[in-house]
């Protein structure tokens, strides 16, 4: 062992490896060897120990009980939205040049100024943890600030969220089994006044004796909510883990019913979601008879939010979703709305491309009787593609797929990735409809929708998009409420851009 540090460098040289560096030191009368890298690492730890301690985080208490990140600014709403819409048009104008000289007018759909979010998540801050009656606080974190800020009210949240906040917090504080090691509380509400509360813990919920369940049931019944407790490896459901939402979709589509479940994605702004569904329904309803007699392909269908709204405008719909739970939820929602012309396939977008191109066969499709290659009435005539992807947008494979469709209806929560994807489609497709939806007031984020239609070469050698049967509404009247009753504009209208 004494010769080991002298033998190792020669041995490493013979084996073609770089000789490691070693440090020899004596400890408790024994000779020990360790790499110098470990010596350096430990010396850095000592230096860190010598550094001044990091300041302890402290609970910040805003005077009005609302952190900056949760405040609403109704007086500045128009200005903030106008800036976001202008940015969207700038991005898309650059994306379509030189293939398209001018964008269509932007239909802008505003949000309510307050109480527009149907869901909220609060971290929990506990004072006096070791006392018999600790104090719980809802907290949020402002950008670039690690200190928790107390939330006494949440003006962005629905009225039901605000009504539940105080009694829920007090109920948790009064029960040791419910507040011990609590980490986060989430609330999901609906326009039908149903609520689902999810409580997350830092340690596994110990319900061997049934105490947690008994206390949680008492709290849920007193508040009139459903409740779910979560910790690592544990999930306890009190009263159910779903709520029912009812959205009124304008332009004649009517009521659509949705079952929403704990942990699954839902649109945060219900009223703006209604306008998004109405716009998408109206845009596809204006397509010519041939287009509507063909079929719709939808990627990223989630719980079937858009699927249900758009299904009446097409012969058949093939919707795909990667999550097994979301597929089951979508099928449940289709049944609740009596929609019978939709098949939902559990495929990722990339897998659908393989199935669509015939390069791979999936048992998940054949078991449901879905055969993409068949012709005639039994097969699919997929001419229109609908996508509502995550913030990352479409990947290269899906952009290539989209280029093969006659028309693409694209709803995006990220204008930057939307512009990137539109730029890839611009050589073959033209934007014929454009909309902005203010899902996220008082933030830089904006939801956008575009309809891209394949260009057809005219007799004079130029290219033009195939228009809908009703033509393109691009006159002055189409920019205001008279031309588009679904557009909510302030007066004077700042949104008639283009």
Foldseek 3Di string as FASTA:
>chain_A
DVCVVVVQCVVCVVVVHHRFAKDWDDDPNDIDIDGVVVVVVVVVVVVVVVDDDDDDADEAEDPVQADPVQDFDVVCQVVLVLVLLVVLLVLQCVLQPPLDNDFFFAFEAEAPRWQFFQKDKFWWDWAPLVDPQIAIFTWDADPPGPHTYGHLARRRHHPLCRVVVVLVRVLQRNDCLNVRQWTMWMWGAEPVGAIEIETEGADDRDCVVPPVVVSVQVSCVVSVYWYWYDYVPDIDTHPDFWDKYWAQADPPLGIAIAIDGPPFDDQGGRVLLSLVLNVVQVQLLLAAPVSQAAEEEEEQCFLPSNVLSNLVSHQAYEYEHQDPVRQVNNVVRCVVSVPDRYDYFNDHLLRVLCQLVVVDDDPSQVVVVAHAPDDDPSHHDHAEYEYEDAQQADDPSVLVVRLPHQKYKYKYFHSNNVSVSSSSNSVFWDWQHKYWGCSDGPDSIIIIITMIGGWDQDPVRRIDGDAGPVGGDRDPCCQDCNNPVSRDADVVGPRRDD
